[in-house]
Amino acid sequence: MNLSIYDILSHLIPGFLVYASMLYSFNIDIDKYSTITATALAYFIGYIINAISSWSESILHLSWGGKPSDNLLEGKPIWKVAMFEGKRVKKMLLADCGNKHASNDELFEFARRNVNFDAGTHLSDFNAAYSFSRSILISVLFGMILVIVSNPDVYLIITGIVIFFITWLRTKQKTYYFVREVFIEYMKLKNINKPYKRKTQ
């Protein structure tokens, strides 16, 4: 089994965040475990965090005011992420998928199946950034709960809320960036898109 650097870091970093929070919350000496043991524990915790973050996608969509694919196809942008061709892409997808009554979910899946995630596009990078950001968000949530429950200090609570909001907003933006990129690549595939200026992240 070959693990990429992304696979390793996407488990270790969220895992270490929760692991460090557990050490703080339960007053465990950081030197109690060897580096190898601590790394293995962090990786396992990160693996669980990744699974939970994937399962929580519907809840995140609800907190964001709907699915990014729905909003972009209906021409509803968010702060720093806009797609002016959303309704145009929807018309293209409805015509191409062969179902004039297809839902936005079906249209997004149709677009994703038809674009190229290989070299030459940014799709894999955008998808990885979204997944990683989502895992960081869930690890921050768990870490914040552990720390605040063990030490309900008002400054810790305020700091935790601020950090959680920043990671929540950034995860939302990363999701929109990925969905928008799928639609951009789909338009490129159809060879009918106009020049599109991608905003910096």
N, C-alpha and C. Protein backbone atom coordinates (compact mmCIF):
# COMPACT_ATOMS: atom_id res chain seq x y z
N MET A 1 0.85 -1.19 0.00
CA MET A 1 0.00 0.00 0.00
C MET A 1 0.88 1.24 0.00
N ASN A 2 0.66 2.12 -0.96
CA ASN A 2 1.42 3.36 -1.05
C ASN A 2 0.55 4.53 -0.63
N LEU A 3 1.00 5.26 0.39
CA LEU A 3 0.29 6.42 0.88
C LEU A 3 0.99 7.68 0.38
N SER A 4 0.21 8.60 -0.16
CA SER A 4 0.79 9.86 -0.62
C SER A 4 1.06 10.77 0.58
N ILE A 5 1.84 11.81 0.34
CA ILE A 5 2.13 12.78 1.40
C ILE A 5 0.83 13.42 1.86
N TYR A 6 -0.07 13.69 0.91
CA TYR A 6 -1.35 14.28 1.30
C TYR A 6 -2.13 13.35 2.22
N ASP A 7 -2.17 12.04 1.89
CA ASP A 7 -2.90 11.08 2.73
C ASP A 7 -2.36 11.10 4.16
N ILE A 8 -1.05 11.16 4.28
CA ILE A 8 -0.43 11.14 5.60
C ILE A 8 -0.72 12.42 6.37
N LEU A 9 -0.48 13.57 5.73
CA LEU A 9 -0.67 14.85 6.41
C LEU A 9 -2.14 15.13 6.72
N SER A 10 -3.03 14.70 5.83
CA SER A 10 -4.45 14.95 6.04
C SER A 10 -5.00 14.17 7.23
N HIS A 11 -4.28 13.13 7.65
CA HIS A 11 -4.66 12.40 8.85
C HIS A 11 -3.88 12.90 10.06
N LEU A 12 -2.59 13.15 9.88
CA LEU A 12 -1.74 13.51 11.01
C LEU A 12 -2.08 14.88 11.60
N ILE A 13 -2.25 15.89 10.75
CA ILE A 13 -2.46 17.25 11.26
C ILE A 13 -3.77 17.36 12.04
N PRO A 14 -4.93 16.95 11.48
CA PRO A 14 -6.15 16.98 12.29
C PRO A 14 -6.03 16.09 13.53
N GLY A 15 -5.37 14.93 13.36
CA GLY A 15 -5.21 14.02 14.48
C GLY A 15 -4.39 14.62 15.60
N PHE A 16 -3.32 15.32 15.26
CA PHE A 16 -2.48 15.93 16.28
C PHE A 16 -3.21 17.07 17.00
N LEU A 17 -4.07 17.78 16.28
CA LEU A 17 -4.86 18.85 16.92
C LEU A 17 -5.74 18.28 18.03
N VAL A 18 -6.44 17.19 17.72
CA VAL A 18 -7.30 16.57 18.72
C VAL A 18 -6.46 15.88 19.79
N TYR A 19 -5.38 15.25 19.38
CA TYR A 19 -4.48 14.57 20.34
C TYR A 19 -3.93 15.57 21.36
N ALA A 20 -3.47 16.73 20.89
CA ALA A 20 -2.94 17.76 21.81
C ALA A 20 -4.04 18.27 22.73
N SER A 21 -5.26 18.40 22.20
CA SER A 21 -6.37 18.86 23.03
C SER A 21 -6.70 17.84 24.12
N MET A 22 -6.58 16.56 23.78
CA MET A 22 -6.83 15.51 24.76
C MET A 22 -5.78 15.52 25.86
N LEU A 23 -4.52 15.72 25.48
CA LEU A 23 -3.46 15.79 26.48
C LEU A 23 -3.70 16.94 27.44
N TYR A 24 -4.10 18.10 26.88
CA TYR A 24 -4.36 19.28 27.71
C TYR A 24 -5.56 19.05 28.61
N SER A 25 -6.62 18.49 28.06
CA SER A 25 -7.87 18.33 28.80
C SER A 25 -7.75 17.34 29.94
N PHE A 26 -6.99 16.25 29.72
CA PHE A 26 -6.86 15.22 30.75
C PHE A 26 -5.56 15.33 31.54
N ASN A 27 -4.87 16.46 31.37
CA ASN A 27 -3.61 16.71 32.09
C ASN A 27 -2.61 15.56 31.95
N ILE A 28 -2.46 15.09 30.74
CA ILE A 28 -1.52 14.00 30.47
C ILE A 28 -0.18 14.60 30.05
N ASP A 29 0.88 14.09 30.61
CA ASP A 29 2.22 14.56 30.27
C ASP A 29 2.52 14.25 28.81
N ILE A 30 2.96 15.26 28.07
CA ILE A 30 3.23 15.07 26.65
C ILE A 30 4.34 14.07 26.38
N ASP A 31 5.21 13.86 27.40
CA ASP A 31 6.32 12.91 27.25
C ASP A 31 5.95 11.50 27.67
N LYS A 32 4.68 11.29 28.01
CA LYS A 32 4.28 9.97 28.48
C LYS A 32 4.39 8.93 27.38
N TYR A 33 4.13 9.33 26.13
CA TYR A 33 4.19 8.41 25.00
C TYR A 33 5.39 8.74 24.12
N SER A 34 5.95 7.72 23.52
CA SER A 34 7.06 7.92 22.60
C SER A 34 6.57 8.62 21.34
N THR A 35 7.51 9.12 20.56
CA THR A 35 7.15 9.82 19.32
C THR A 35 6.40 8.90 18.37
N ILE A 36 6.85 7.66 18.28
CA ILE A 36 6.20 6.70 17.38
C ILE A 36 4.77 6.42 17.83
N THR A 37 4.60 6.21 19.14
CA THR A 37 3.26 5.94 19.68
C THR A 37 2.34 7.14 19.48
N ALA A 38 2.87 8.34 19.77
CA ALA A 38 2.08 9.56 19.62
C ALA A 38 1.67 9.77 18.16
N THR A 39 2.59 9.49 17.24
CA THR A 39 2.29 9.65 15.82
C THR A 39 1.23 8.66 15.37
N ALA A 40 1.35 7.42 15.85
CA ALA A 40 0.36 6.40 15.50
C ALA A 40 -1.03 6.77 16.04
N LEU A 41 -1.06 7.26 17.28
CA LEU A 41 -2.33 7.67 17.88
C LEU A 41 -2.94 8.85 17.11
N ALA A 42 -2.09 9.81 16.76
CA ALA A 42 -2.56 10.99 16.03
C ALA A 42 -3.10 10.58 14.66
N TYR A 43 -2.41 9.65 14.00
CA TYR A 43 -2.86 9.19 12.69
C TYR A 43 -4.21 8.50 12.80
N PHE A 44 -4.36 7.65 13.81
CA PHE A 44 -5.63 6.94 14.00
C PHE A 44 -6.76 7.93 14.30
N ILE A 45 -6.48 8.89 15.19
CA ILE A 45 -7.49 9.91 15.50
C ILE A 45 -7.85 10.70 14.24
N GLY A 46 -6.83 11.04 13.44
CA GLY A 46 -7.07 11.75 12.20
C GLY A 46 -7.90 10.95 11.22
N TYR A 47 -7.69 9.65 11.22
CA TYR A 47 -8.49 8.77 10.35
C TYR A 47 -9.96 8.85 10.74
N ILE A 48 -10.23 8.81 12.05
CA ILE A 48 -11.60 8.91 12.54
C ILE A 48 -12.19 10.28 12.22
N ILE A 49 -11.38 11.32 12.40
CA ILE A 49 -11.83 12.69 12.12
C ILE A 49 -12.21 12.83 10.65
N ASN A 50 -11.41 12.26 9.76
CA ASN A 50 -11.71 12.32 8.33
C ASN A 50 -13.05 11.66 8.02
N ALA A 51 -13.29 10.53 8.66
CA ALA A 51 -14.56 9.82 8.43
C ALA A 51 -15.73 10.67 8.92
N ILE A 52 -15.61 11.22 10.12
CA ILE A 52 -16.68 12.04 10.69
C ILE A 52 -16.91 13.29 9.84
N SER A 53 -15.83 13.89 9.36
CA SER A 53 -15.97 15.09 8.54
C SER A 53 -16.72 14.80 7.24
N SER A 54 -16.48 13.62 6.69
CA SER A 54 -17.19 13.22 5.47
C SER A 54 -18.67 13.01 5.76
N TRP A 55 -18.96 12.36 6.88
CA TRP A 55 -20.36 12.10 7.24
C TRP A 55 -21.11 13.39 7.60
N SER A 56 -20.39 14.42 8.01
CA SER A 56 -21.04 15.65 8.46
C SER A 56 -21.32 16.63 7.31
N GLU A 57 -21.08 16.20 6.09
CA GLU A 57 -21.21 17.10 4.95
C GLU A 57 -22.60 17.71 4.84
N SER A 58 -23.63 16.93 5.06
CA SER A 58 -25.00 17.43 4.97
C SER A 58 -25.27 18.51 6.02
N ILE A 59 -24.72 18.31 7.22
CA ILE A 59 -24.90 19.30 8.28
C ILE A 59 -24.18 20.59 7.92
N LEU A 60 -22.99 20.46 7.34
CA LEU A 60 -22.25 21.65 6.93
C LEU A 60 -23.00 22.40 5.85
N HIS A 61 -23.55 21.70 4.88
CA HIS A 61 -24.34 22.35 3.82
C HIS A 61 -25.50 23.13 4.42
N LEU A 62 -26.14 22.55 5.42
CA LEU A 62 -27.26 23.22 6.07
C LEU A 62 -26.79 24.51 6.75
N SER A 63 -25.63 24.44 7.41
CA SER A 63 -25.11 25.62 8.10
C SER A 63 -24.63 26.68 7.12
N TRP A 64 -24.32 26.28 5.88
CA TRP A 64 -23.86 27.23 4.86
C TRP A 64 -25.00 27.82 4.05
N GLY A 65 -26.23 27.43 4.35
CA GLY A 65 -27.36 27.97 3.61
C GLY A 65 -27.63 27.23 2.32
N GLY A 66 -27.30 25.96 2.28
CA GLY A 66 -27.55 25.15 1.09
C GLY A 66 -26.28 24.59 0.48
N LYS A 67 -26.45 23.66 -0.44
CA LYS A 67 -25.30 23.05 -1.11
C LYS A 67 -24.64 24.06 -2.05
N PRO A 68 -23.32 24.09 -2.06
CA PRO A 68 -22.62 25.01 -2.98
C PRO A 68 -23.02 24.80 -4.43
N SER A 69 -23.20 23.55 -4.85
CA SER A 69 -23.59 23.28 -6.24
C SER A 69 -24.96 23.86 -6.54
N ASP A 70 -25.90 23.75 -5.60
CA ASP A 70 -27.23 24.33 -5.79
C ASP A 70 -27.13 25.85 -5.95
N ASN A 71 -26.41 26.47 -5.03
CA ASN A 71 -26.33 27.93 -5.04
C ASN A 71 -25.64 28.48 -6.28
N LEU A 72 -24.54 27.84 -6.68
CA LEU A 72 -23.83 28.33 -7.86
C LEU A 72 -24.64 28.13 -9.13
N LEU A 73 -25.33 27.01 -9.23
CA LEU A 73 -26.17 26.77 -10.42
C LEU A 73 -27.35 27.73 -10.48
N GLU A 74 -27.76 28.23 -9.31
CA GLU A 74 -28.87 29.18 -9.28
C GLU A 74 -28.38 30.63 -9.30
N GLY A 75 -27.06 30.81 -9.48
CA GLY A 75 -26.51 32.17 -9.56
C GLY A 75 -26.38 32.87 -8.24
N LYS A 76 -26.22 32.10 -7.15
CA LYS A 76 -26.09 32.69 -5.81
C LYS A 76 -24.64 32.56 -5.33
N PRO A 77 -23.87 33.62 -5.38
CA PRO A 77 -22.47 33.56 -4.94
C PRO A 77 -22.36 33.75 -3.43
N ILE A 78 -21.18 33.57 -2.91
CA ILE A 78 -20.89 33.91 -1.53
C ILE A 78 -19.70 34.87 -1.53
N TRP A 79 -19.35 35.36 -0.36
CA TRP A 79 -18.24 36.30 -0.24
C TRP A 79 -16.94 35.67 -0.77
N LYS A 80 -16.32 36.34 -1.71
CA LYS A 80 -15.05 35.97 -2.33
C LYS A 80 -15.16 34.83 -3.35
N VAL A 81 -16.33 34.24 -3.51
CA VAL A 81 -16.49 33.17 -4.49
C VAL A 81 -17.75 33.42 -5.31
N ALA A 82 -17.56 33.87 -6.54
CA ALA A 82 -18.70 34.13 -7.42
C ALA A 82 -18.52 33.36 -8.72
N MET A 83 -19.65 33.00 -9.32
CA MET A 83 -19.61 32.37 -10.63
C MET A 83 -20.77 32.92 -11.45
N PHE A 84 -20.44 33.81 -12.36
CA PHE A 84 -21.47 34.53 -13.09
C PHE A 84 -22.13 33.68 -14.18
N GLU A 85 -21.50 32.55 -14.53
CA GLU A 85 -22.06 31.69 -15.58
C GLU A 85 -22.90 30.55 -15.01
N GLY A 86 -23.28 30.63 -13.74
CA GLY A 86 -23.98 29.53 -13.09
C GLY A 86 -25.22 29.06 -13.81
N LYS A 87 -26.11 29.99 -14.12
CA LYS A 87 -27.36 29.61 -14.79
C LYS A 87 -27.10 29.10 -16.21
N ARG A 88 -26.07 29.66 -16.83
CA ARG A 88 -25.70 29.21 -18.17
C ARG A 88 -25.20 27.77 -18.15
N VAL A 89 -24.38 27.46 -17.15
CA VAL A 89 -23.88 26.09 -16.99
C VAL A 89 -25.04 25.13 -16.75
N LYS A 90 -26.00 25.57 -15.96
CA LYS A 90 -27.14 24.71 -15.67
C LYS A 90 -27.90 24.37 -16.95
N LYS A 91 -28.10 25.34 -17.83
CA LYS A 91 -28.78 25.08 -19.10
C LYS A 91 -27.99 24.08 -19.94
N MET A 92 -26.66 24.24 -19.96
CA MET A 92 -25.82 23.31 -20.70
C MET A 92 -25.95 21.90 -20.16
N LEU A 93 -25.91 21.77 -18.83
CA LEU A 93 -25.97 20.46 -18.20
C LEU A 93 -27.32 19.80 -18.43
N LEU A 94 -28.38 20.57 -18.33
CA LEU A 94 -29.72 20.02 -18.57
C LEU A 94 -29.85 19.48 -19.99
N ALA A 95 -29.24 20.20 -20.93
CA ALA A 95 -29.29 19.76 -22.33
C ALA A 95 -28.43 18.52 -22.55
N ASP A 96 -27.27 18.47 -21.89
CA ASP A 96 -26.32 17.38 -22.13
C ASP A 96 -26.68 16.08 -21.41
N CYS A 97 -27.27 16.19 -20.22
CA CYS A 97 -27.52 14.98 -19.44
C CYS A 97 -28.72 14.18 -19.94
N GLY A 98 -29.53 14.79 -20.78
CA GLY A 98 -30.67 14.08 -21.35
C GLY A 98 -31.88 14.02 -20.46
N ASN A 99 -31.87 14.80 -19.38
CA ASN A 99 -33.01 14.83 -18.46
C ASN A 99 -33.32 16.28 -18.12
N LYS A 100 -34.37 16.80 -18.71
CA LYS A 100 -34.71 18.20 -18.52
C LYS A 100 -35.19 18.50 -17.10
N HIS A 101 -35.49 17.46 -16.35
CA HIS A 101 -35.98 17.64 -14.98
C HIS A 101 -34.96 17.19 -13.94
N ALA A 102 -33.70 17.07 -14.35
CA ALA A 102 -32.65 16.62 -13.43
C ALA A 102 -32.46 17.63 -12.30
N SER A 103 -32.20 17.10 -11.10
CA SER A 103 -31.95 17.96 -9.95
C SER A 103 -30.55 18.56 -10.05
N ASN A 104 -30.29 19.56 -9.22
CA ASN A 104 -28.96 20.16 -9.21
C ASN A 104 -27.89 19.15 -8.78
N ASP A 105 -28.26 18.23 -7.88
CA ASP A 105 -27.32 17.18 -7.47
C ASP A 105 -26.93 16.32 -8.67
N GLU A 106 -27.91 15.94 -9.46
CA GLU A 106 -27.65 15.12 -10.65
C GLU A 106 -26.78 15.88 -11.65
N LEU A 107 -27.04 17.16 -11.79
CA LEU A 107 -26.27 17.97 -12.73
C LEU A 107 -24.82 18.10 -12.29
N PHE A 108 -24.61 18.30 -10.99
CA PHE A 108 -23.24 18.41 -10.49
C PHE A 108 -22.49 17.10 -10.68
N GLU A 109 -23.15 15.99 -10.37
CA GLU A 109 -22.51 14.68 -10.55
C GLU A 109 -22.21 14.42 -12.02
N PHE A 110 -23.11 14.84 -12.89
CA PHE A 110 -22.88 14.68 -14.33
C PHE A 110 -21.65 15.48 -14.76
N ALA A 111 -21.54 16.71 -14.28
CA ALA A 111 -20.38 17.55 -14.61
C ALA A 111 -19.10 16.94 -14.06
N ARG A 112 -19.15 16.44 -12.82
CA ARG A 112 -17.95 15.87 -12.19
C ARG A 112 -17.49 14.61 -12.90
N ARG A 113 -18.44 13.81 -13.39
CA ARG A 113 -18.07 12.59 -14.10
C ARG A 113 -17.43 12.88 -15.45
N ASN A 114 -17.73 14.02 -16.01
CA ASN A 114 -17.26 14.33 -17.35
C ASN A 114 -15.99 15.17 -17.40
N VAL A 115 -15.56 15.71 -16.28
CA VAL A 115 -14.34 16.52 -16.29
C VAL A 115 -13.13 15.66 -15.95
N ASN A 116 -11.97 16.20 -16.21
CA ASN A 116 -10.72 15.46 -16.03
C ASN A 116 -10.03 15.86 -14.73
N PHE A 117 -9.86 14.91 -13.81
CA PHE A 117 -9.20 15.18 -12.54
C PHE A 117 -7.69 14.94 -12.66
N ASP A 118 -7.21 14.55 -13.82
CA ASP A 118 -5.79 14.25 -13.99
C ASP A 118 -4.99 15.53 -14.16
N ALA A 119 -3.71 15.35 -14.49
CA ALA A 119 -2.81 16.49 -14.67
C ALA A 119 -3.36 17.43 -15.73
N GLY A 120 -3.10 18.71 -15.53
CA GLY A 120 -3.58 19.70 -16.48
C GLY A 120 -4.77 20.49 -15.97
N THR A 121 -5.38 20.02 -14.89
CA THR A 121 -6.47 20.76 -14.26
C THR A 121 -6.13 20.98 -12.79
N HIS A 122 -6.90 21.86 -12.17
CA HIS A 122 -6.71 22.15 -10.74
C HIS A 122 -7.68 21.36 -9.86
N LEU A 123 -8.46 20.49 -10.46
CA LEU A 123 -9.54 19.83 -9.73
C LEU A 123 -9.06 19.01 -8.54
N SER A 124 -8.03 18.22 -8.75
CA SER A 124 -7.52 17.39 -7.65
C SER A 124 -7.04 18.24 -6.49
N ASP A 125 -6.36 19.35 -6.81
CA ASP A 125 -5.87 20.24 -5.76
C ASP A 125 -7.02 20.89 -5.00
N PHE A 126 -8.04 21.34 -5.74
CA PHE A 126 -9.18 21.98 -5.11
C PHE A 126 -9.95 20.98 -4.24
N ASN A 127 -10.08 19.76 -4.73
CA ASN A 127 -10.78 18.73 -3.98
C ASN A 127 -10.02 18.37 -2.71
N ALA A 128 -8.70 18.25 -2.81
CA ALA A 128 -7.88 17.93 -1.65
C ALA A 128 -7.93 19.06 -0.62
N ALA A 129 -7.90 20.30 -1.10
CA ALA A 129 -7.94 21.45 -0.20
C ALA A 129 -9.27 21.50 0.55
N TYR A 130 -10.35 21.18 -0.15
CA TYR A 130 -11.67 21.15 0.49
C TYR A 130 -11.74 20.06 1.55
N SER A 131 -11.31 18.85 1.21
CA SER A 131 -11.37 17.73 2.15
C SER A 131 -10.50 18.00 3.38
N PHE A 132 -9.31 18.56 3.14
CA PHE A 132 -8.40 18.86 4.25
C PHE A 132 -9.00 19.93 5.16
N SER A 133 -9.55 20.98 4.56
CA SER A 133 -10.15 22.06 5.34
C SER A 133 -11.33 21.56 6.16
N ARG A 134 -12.10 20.64 5.59
CA ARG A 134 -13.24 20.06 6.31
C ARG A 134 -12.78 19.26 7.52
N SER A 135 -11.69 18.51 7.37
CA SER A 135 -11.14 17.74 8.49
C SER A 135 -10.59 18.66 9.58
N ILE A 136 -9.95 19.75 9.16
CA ILE A 136 -9.44 20.72 10.14
C ILE A 136 -10.59 21.32 10.93
N LEU A 137 -11.69 21.63 10.23
CA LEU A 137 -12.86 22.21 10.90
C LEU A 137 -13.39 21.27 11.98
N ILE A 138 -13.55 19.99 11.66
CA ILE A 138 -14.08 19.03 12.63
C ILE A 138 -13.10 18.81 13.77
N SER A 139 -11.80 18.79 13.47
CA SER A 139 -10.81 18.62 14.54
C SER A 139 -10.80 19.83 15.46
N VAL A 140 -10.97 21.04 14.91
CA VAL A 140 -11.06 22.25 15.73
C VAL A 140 -12.29 22.17 16.63
N LEU A 141 -13.41 21.70 16.08
CA LEU A 141 -14.63 21.57 16.87
C LEU A 141 -14.43 20.61 18.04
N PHE A 142 -13.88 19.43 17.78
CA PHE A 142 -13.66 18.45 18.84
C PHE A 142 -12.64 18.97 19.85
N GLY A 143 -11.55 19.56 19.35
CA GLY A 143 -10.54 20.10 20.24
C GLY A 143 -11.08 21.20 21.12
N MET A 144 -11.90 22.07 20.54
CA MET A 144 -12.50 23.17 21.29
C MET A 144 -13.41 22.64 22.39
N ILE A 145 -14.22 21.62 22.07
CA ILE A 145 -15.12 21.04 23.07
C ILE A 145 -14.33 20.43 24.22
N LEU A 146 -13.27 19.69 23.89
CA LEU A 146 -12.46 19.05 24.93
C LEU A 146 -11.82 20.08 25.86
N VAL A 147 -11.24 21.12 25.26
CA VAL A 147 -10.54 22.13 26.05
C VAL A 147 -11.51 22.93 26.90
N ILE A 148 -12.63 23.35 26.32
CA ILE A 148 -13.58 24.19 27.06
C ILE A 148 -14.26 23.42 28.18
N VAL A 149 -14.60 22.15 27.93
CA VAL A 149 -15.23 21.34 28.97
C VAL A 149 -14.28 21.16 30.16
N SER A 150 -13.00 20.96 29.87
CA SER A 150 -12.03 20.74 30.95
C SER A 150 -11.63 22.04 31.64
N ASN A 151 -11.76 23.16 30.92
CA ASN A 151 -11.37 24.45 31.48
C ASN A 151 -12.28 25.54 30.92
N PRO A 152 -13.48 25.69 31.50
CA PRO A 152 -14.45 26.64 30.96
C PRO A 152 -14.10 28.11 31.24
N ASP A 153 -12.97 28.51 30.70
CA ASP A 153 -12.52 29.89 30.86
C ASP A 153 -13.13 30.75 29.75
N VAL A 154 -13.59 31.95 30.10
CA VAL A 154 -14.28 32.80 29.15
C VAL A 154 -13.39 33.17 27.97
N TYR A 155 -12.10 33.38 28.23
CA TYR A 155 -11.18 33.74 27.14
C TYR A 155 -10.95 32.57 26.20
N LEU A 156 -10.90 31.36 26.76
CA LEU A 156 -10.77 30.17 25.93
C LEU A 156 -12.01 29.98 25.07
N ILE A 157 -13.17 30.24 25.65
CA ILE A 157 -14.42 30.09 24.91
C ILE A 157 -14.47 31.07 23.74
N ILE A 158 -14.12 32.33 24.01
CA ILE A 158 -14.14 33.35 22.95
C ILE A 158 -13.13 33.00 21.86
N THR A 159 -11.92 32.61 22.29
CA THR A 159 -10.89 32.23 21.32
C THR A 159 -11.33 31.04 20.49
N GLY A 160 -11.93 30.05 21.15
CA GLY A 160 -12.40 28.87 20.45
C GLY A 160 -13.48 29.19 19.43
N ILE A 161 -14.40 30.05 19.80
CA ILE A 161 -15.48 30.44 18.89
C ILE A 161 -14.92 31.16 17.67
N VAL A 162 -13.96 32.07 17.89
CA VAL A 162 -13.36 32.82 16.78
C VAL A 162 -12.63 31.87 15.83
N ILE A 163 -11.82 30.96 16.39
CA ILE A 163 -11.08 30.01 15.56
C ILE A 163 -12.04 29.10 14.79
N PHE A 164 -13.09 28.66 15.47
CA PHE A 164 -14.06 27.79 14.80
C PHE A 164 -14.75 28.53 13.67
N PHE A 165 -15.13 29.77 13.88
CA PHE A 165 -15.81 30.53 12.83
C PHE A 165 -14.91 30.72 11.62
N ILE A 166 -13.63 31.01 11.88
CA ILE A 166 -12.69 31.20 10.76
C ILE A 166 -12.54 29.92 9.95
N THR A 167 -12.38 28.79 10.64
CA THR A 167 -12.22 27.52 9.92
C THR A 167 -13.53 27.11 9.23
N TRP A 168 -14.66 27.42 9.85
CA TRP A 168 -15.97 27.14 9.24
C TRP A 168 -16.13 27.94 7.94
N LEU A 169 -15.81 29.23 7.99
CA LEU A 169 -15.94 30.08 6.82
C LEU A 169 -14.96 29.66 5.73
N ARG A 170 -13.73 29.34 6.13
CA ARG A 170 -12.73 28.94 5.14
C ARG A 170 -13.10 27.62 4.48
N THR A 171 -13.66 26.70 5.24
CA THR A 171 -14.10 25.43 4.67
C THR A 171 -15.23 25.67 3.67
N LYS A 172 -16.13 26.55 4.01
CA LYS A 172 -17.21 26.91 3.10
C LYS A 172 -16.65 27.45 1.79
N GLN A 173 -15.69 28.36 1.88
CA GLN A 173 -15.08 28.93 0.68
C GLN A 173 -14.36 27.87 -0.14
N LYS A 174 -13.62 26.98 0.53
CA LYS A 174 -12.90 25.93 -0.19
C LYS A 174 -13.85 25.00 -0.93
N THR A 175 -15.01 24.75 -0.33
CA THR A 175 -16.00 23.91 -0.99
C THR A 175 -16.53 24.58 -2.24
N TYR A 176 -16.82 25.87 -2.12
CA TYR A 176 -17.31 26.62 -3.28
C TYR A 176 -16.25 26.70 -4.37
N TYR A 177 -14.99 26.88 -3.99
CA TYR A 177 -13.91 26.91 -4.98
C TYR A 177 -13.87 25.61 -5.77
N PHE A 178 -14.00 24.48 -5.06
CA PHE A 178 -13.95 23.19 -5.74
C PHE A 178 -15.13 23.01 -6.69
N VAL A 179 -16.33 23.30 -6.20
CA VAL A 179 -17.53 23.14 -7.04
C VAL A 179 -17.45 24.06 -8.25
N ARG A 180 -17.03 25.30 -8.03
CA ARG A 180 -16.91 26.22 -9.15
C ARG A 180 -15.90 25.72 -10.17
N GLU A 181 -14.81 25.12 -9.68
CA GLU A 181 -13.78 24.61 -10.59
C GLU A 181 -14.31 23.47 -11.45
N VAL A 182 -15.17 22.63 -10.86
CA VAL A 182 -15.79 21.55 -11.64
C VAL A 182 -16.57 22.14 -12.81
N PHE A 183 -17.36 23.16 -12.52
CA PHE A 183 -18.17 23.78 -13.58
C PHE A 183 -17.30 24.50 -14.61
N ILE A 184 -16.22 25.13 -14.16
CA ILE A 184 -15.30 25.81 -15.09
C ILE A 184 -14.66 24.80 -16.03
N GLU A 185 -14.21 23.68 -15.48
CA GLU A 185 -13.60 22.65 -16.31
C GLU A 185 -14.62 22.03 -17.26
N TYR A 186 -15.86 21.94 -16.81
CA TYR A 186 -16.90 21.42 -17.69
C TYR A 186 -17.12 22.36 -18.88
N MET A 187 -17.11 23.67 -18.62
CA MET A 187 -17.26 24.63 -19.70
C MET A 187 -16.07 24.57 -20.66
N LYS A 188 -14.88 24.37 -20.11
CA LYS A 188 -13.71 24.22 -20.96
C LYS A 188 -13.86 22.99 -21.85
N LEU A 189 -14.39 21.94 -21.26
CA LEU A 189 -14.58 20.71 -22.01
C LEU A 189 -15.53 20.92 -23.18
N LYS A 190 -16.51 21.76 -22.99
CA LYS A 190 -17.49 22.04 -24.03
C LYS A 190 -16.99 23.09 -25.02
N ASN A 191 -15.86 23.70 -24.70
CA ASN A 191 -15.23 24.68 -25.61
C ASN A 191 -16.12 25.88 -25.92
N ILE A 192 -16.92 26.29 -24.95
CA ILE A 192 -17.77 27.45 -25.22
C ILE A 192 -17.64 28.50 -24.12
N ASN A 193 -16.68 28.30 -23.21
CA ASN A 193 -16.56 29.28 -22.13
C ASN A 193 -15.81 30.52 -22.58
N LYS A 194 -16.14 31.60 -21.99
CA LYS A 194 -15.43 32.86 -22.20
C LYS A 194 -14.29 32.93 -21.20
N PRO A 195 -13.31 33.81 -21.43
CA PRO A 195 -12.20 33.94 -20.46
C PRO A 195 -12.74 34.17 -19.06
N TYR A 196 -12.20 33.41 -18.12
CA TYR A 196 -12.70 33.48 -16.76
C TYR A 196 -11.54 33.80 -15.83
N LYS A 197 -11.68 34.88 -15.09
CA LYS A 197 -10.62 35.28 -14.17
C LYS A 197 -10.89 34.68 -12.80
N ARG A 198 -10.02 33.80 -12.39
CA ARG A 198 -10.18 33.10 -11.12
C ARG A 198 -9.64 33.98 -9.99
N LYS A 199 -10.46 34.20 -8.98
CA LYS A 199 -10.04 35.03 -7.86
C LYS A 199 -9.02 34.27 -7.02
N THR A 200 -8.13 35.02 -6.40
CA THR A 200 -7.12 34.41 -5.54
C THR A 200 -7.79 33.86 -4.30
N GLN A 201 -7.18 32.82 -3.76
CA GLN A 201 -7.76 32.19 -2.57
C GLN A 201 -7.16 32.77 -1.31
